[in-house]
Amino acid sequence: MVEEFDGGNPGPAPSIAGDEKVPGNTTELERPKNAAPKPEWAEYAARRGIEGVEGMSKDELVAAVNALDAQ
């Protein structure tokens, strides 16, 4: 199937299911502020591909994200 582009605003790019869970992929994610609550850090870490976030403290989550960023 071919769709014609009329030159108007095509809207947002389609997302690929699971794309945001690729480790290191931060194209759609904004890093939480240091003062952000633990649930925000847990969601961010999980979306970055870090496993076991449910059992981590906020400090452990931040450290895991920092370690991933350092790679």
N, C-alpha and C. Protein backbone atom coordinates (compact mmCIF):
# COMPACT_ATOMS: atom_id res chain seq x y z
N MET A 1 0.84 -1.17 0.00
CA MET A 1 0.00 0.00 0.00
C MET A 1 0.88 1.23 0.00
N VAL A 2 0.52 2.19 -0.84
CA VAL A 2 1.28 3.43 -0.94
C VAL A 2 0.38 4.57 -0.50
N GLU A 3 0.91 5.40 0.38
CA GLU A 3 0.17 6.58 0.82
C GLU A 3 0.85 7.81 0.26
N GLU A 4 0.06 8.73 -0.22
CA GLU A 4 0.62 9.97 -0.74
C GLU A 4 0.77 10.97 0.39
N PHE A 5 1.85 11.73 0.34
CA PHE A 5 2.09 12.76 1.34
C PHE A 5 1.66 14.08 0.72
N ASP A 6 0.73 14.76 1.40
CA ASP A 6 0.19 15.99 0.84
C ASP A 6 1.01 17.23 1.20
N GLY A 7 2.14 17.04 1.87
CA GLY A 7 2.99 18.17 2.21
C GLY A 7 2.62 18.83 3.52
N GLY A 8 1.51 18.41 4.13
CA GLY A 8 1.09 18.97 5.41
C GLY A 8 1.88 18.38 6.55
N ASN A 9 1.47 18.67 7.75
CA ASN A 9 2.14 18.14 8.93
C ASN A 9 1.81 16.66 9.06
N PRO A 10 2.82 15.80 9.00
CA PRO A 10 2.55 14.36 9.07
C PRO A 10 2.22 13.88 10.48
N GLY A 11 2.36 14.74 11.47
CA GLY A 11 2.07 14.34 12.84
C GLY A 11 3.26 13.66 13.47
N PRO A 12 3.08 13.12 14.65
CA PRO A 12 4.21 12.47 15.32
C PRO A 12 4.61 11.18 14.63
N ALA A 13 5.86 10.86 14.73
CA ALA A 13 6.36 9.61 14.14
C ALA A 13 5.75 8.43 14.87
N PRO A 14 5.41 7.40 14.14
CA PRO A 14 4.84 6.22 14.81
C PRO A 14 5.88 5.59 15.72
N SER A 15 5.43 5.04 16.83
CA SER A 15 6.37 4.37 17.74
C SER A 15 6.29 2.88 17.51
N ILE A 16 7.39 2.23 17.75
CA ILE A 16 7.47 0.78 17.61
C ILE A 16 7.26 0.20 19.00
N ALA A 17 6.39 -0.76 19.11
CA ALA A 17 6.09 -1.37 20.42
C ALA A 17 7.37 -1.86 21.06
N GLY A 18 7.58 -1.46 22.30
CA GLY A 18 8.76 -1.89 23.03
C GLY A 18 9.99 -1.06 22.79
N ASP A 19 9.92 -0.10 21.86
CA ASP A 19 11.08 0.71 21.51
C ASP A 19 11.65 1.42 22.73
N GLU A 20 10.78 1.89 23.63
CA GLU A 20 11.26 2.64 24.79
C GLU A 20 11.94 1.75 25.82
N LYS A 21 11.89 0.43 25.66
CA LYS A 21 12.51 -0.46 26.62
C LYS A 21 13.88 -0.93 26.18
N VAL A 22 14.39 -0.39 25.10
CA VAL A 22 15.72 -0.77 24.64
C VAL A 22 16.74 -0.09 25.54
N PRO A 23 17.63 -0.87 26.17
CA PRO A 23 18.60 -0.26 27.08
C PRO A 23 19.39 0.84 26.39
N GLY A 24 19.50 1.96 27.08
CA GLY A 24 20.24 3.08 26.55
C GLY A 24 19.44 3.98 25.63
N ASN A 25 18.25 3.58 25.23
CA ASN A 25 17.44 4.39 24.33
C ASN A 25 16.72 5.46 25.13
N THR A 26 17.13 6.70 24.94
CA THR A 26 16.52 7.79 25.70
C THR A 26 15.84 8.80 24.79
N THR A 27 15.56 8.42 23.55
CA THR A 27 14.99 9.37 22.61
C THR A 27 13.63 9.87 23.05
N GLU A 28 12.84 9.08 23.75
CA GLU A 28 11.50 9.48 24.17
C GLU A 28 11.41 9.70 25.68
N LEU A 29 12.51 9.50 26.39
CA LEU A 29 12.47 9.55 27.84
C LEU A 29 13.22 10.76 28.36
N GLU A 30 12.66 11.35 29.39
CA GLU A 30 13.35 12.44 30.06
C GLU A 30 13.77 11.94 31.43
N ARG A 31 15.04 12.10 31.72
CA ARG A 31 15.57 11.65 33.02
C ARG A 31 14.89 12.44 34.13
N PRO A 32 14.44 11.73 35.17
CA PRO A 32 13.81 12.43 36.31
C PRO A 32 14.81 13.34 37.01
N LYS A 33 14.30 14.36 37.64
CA LYS A 33 15.14 15.22 38.46
C LYS A 33 15.59 14.45 39.69
N ASN A 34 16.69 14.85 40.28
CA ASN A 34 17.20 14.13 41.46
C ASN A 34 16.18 14.08 42.58
N ALA A 35 15.35 15.11 42.71
CA ALA A 35 14.36 15.16 43.79
C ALA A 35 13.07 14.40 43.44
N ALA A 36 13.00 13.81 42.26
CA ALA A 36 11.80 13.09 41.84
C ALA A 36 11.56 11.91 42.78
N PRO A 37 10.30 11.52 42.97
CA PRO A 37 9.98 10.40 43.85
C PRO A 37 10.45 9.05 43.27
N LYS A 38 10.58 8.09 44.15
CA LYS A 38 11.05 6.75 43.77
C LYS A 38 10.24 6.14 42.63
N PRO A 39 8.89 6.22 42.64
CA PRO A 39 8.15 5.60 41.53
C PRO A 39 8.52 6.16 40.16
N GLU A 40 8.85 7.44 40.11
CA GLU A 40 9.26 8.05 38.84
C GLU A 40 10.61 7.47 38.39
N TRP A 41 11.53 7.31 39.33
CA TRP A 41 12.82 6.72 39.02
C TRP A 41 12.67 5.25 38.63
N ALA A 42 11.77 4.54 39.31
CA ALA A 42 11.57 3.12 39.00
C ALA A 42 11.03 2.96 37.57
N GLU A 43 10.08 3.79 37.20
CA GLU A 43 9.53 3.71 35.84
C GLU A 43 10.60 4.04 34.81
N TYR A 44 11.37 5.09 35.06
CA TYR A 44 12.42 5.48 34.13
C TYR A 44 13.46 4.36 33.98
N ALA A 45 13.88 3.79 35.11
CA ALA A 45 14.88 2.72 35.07
C ALA A 45 14.34 1.50 34.32
N ALA A 46 13.10 1.14 34.56
CA ALA A 46 12.50 0.00 33.88
C ALA A 46 12.41 0.25 32.38
N ARG A 47 12.07 1.46 31.99
CA ARG A 47 11.98 1.79 30.56
C ARG A 47 13.35 1.80 29.91
N ARG A 48 14.39 2.00 30.71
CA ARG A 48 15.75 1.96 30.20
C ARG A 48 16.27 0.54 30.11
N GLY A 49 15.50 -0.44 30.63
CA GLY A 49 15.88 -1.83 30.52
C GLY A 49 16.50 -2.41 31.77
N ILE A 50 16.48 -1.66 32.86
CA ILE A 50 17.03 -2.16 34.11
C ILE A 50 16.00 -3.08 34.76
N GLU A 51 16.43 -4.27 35.12
CA GLU A 51 15.51 -5.26 35.69
C GLU A 51 15.57 -5.23 37.21
N GLY A 52 14.49 -5.65 37.85
CA GLY A 52 14.45 -5.75 39.29
C GLY A 52 14.22 -4.44 40.01
N VAL A 53 13.63 -3.46 39.31
CA VAL A 53 13.46 -2.14 39.91
C VAL A 53 12.51 -2.15 41.10
N GLU A 54 11.61 -3.12 41.16
CA GLU A 54 10.63 -3.17 42.25
C GLU A 54 11.31 -3.30 43.61
N GLY A 55 12.41 -4.02 43.66
CA GLY A 55 13.08 -4.26 44.92
C GLY A 55 14.21 -3.29 45.23
N MET A 56 14.37 -2.25 44.42
CA MET A 56 15.48 -1.31 44.60
C MET A 56 15.02 -0.07 45.36
N SER A 57 15.95 0.50 46.11
CA SER A 57 15.69 1.80 46.74
C SER A 57 15.89 2.89 45.69
N LYS A 58 15.48 4.09 46.01
CA LYS A 58 15.67 5.20 45.06
C LYS A 58 17.16 5.39 44.77
N ASP A 59 18.00 5.33 45.80
CA ASP A 59 19.44 5.49 45.60
C ASP A 59 20.00 4.41 44.68
N GLU A 60 19.51 3.18 44.83
CA GLU A 60 19.96 2.09 43.96
C GLU A 60 19.49 2.31 42.52
N LEU A 61 18.28 2.82 42.36
CA LEU A 61 17.76 3.11 41.02
C LEU A 61 18.62 4.17 40.32
N VAL A 62 18.92 5.24 41.05
CA VAL A 62 19.73 6.32 40.49
C VAL A 62 21.12 5.78 40.13
N ALA A 63 21.71 4.97 41.00
CA ALA A 63 23.02 4.40 40.73
C ALA A 63 22.99 3.48 39.51
N ALA A 64 21.94 2.70 39.36
CA ALA A 64 21.82 1.80 38.21
C ALA A 64 21.69 2.59 36.92
N VAL A 65 20.92 3.67 36.95
CA VAL A 65 20.78 4.53 35.75
C VAL A 65 22.13 5.17 35.43
N ASN A 66 22.81 5.68 36.45
CA ASN A 66 24.11 6.30 36.24
C ASN A 66 25.11 5.30 35.65
N ALA A 67 25.08 4.06 36.13
CA ALA A 67 25.97 3.02 35.60
C ALA A 67 25.65 2.73 34.14
N LEU A 68 24.38 2.70 33.80
CA LEU A 68 23.97 2.46 32.42
C LEU A 68 24.43 3.62 31.53
N ASP A 69 24.30 4.84 32.03
CA ASP A 69 24.73 6.00 31.26
C ASP A 69 26.25 6.02 31.05
N ALA A 70 26.99 5.47 32.00
CA ALA A 70 28.45 5.48 31.92
C ALA A 70 28.99 4.47 30.90
N GLN A 71 28.15 3.56 30.46
CA GLN A 71 28.60 2.53 29.50
C GLN A 71 28.81 3.13 28.15
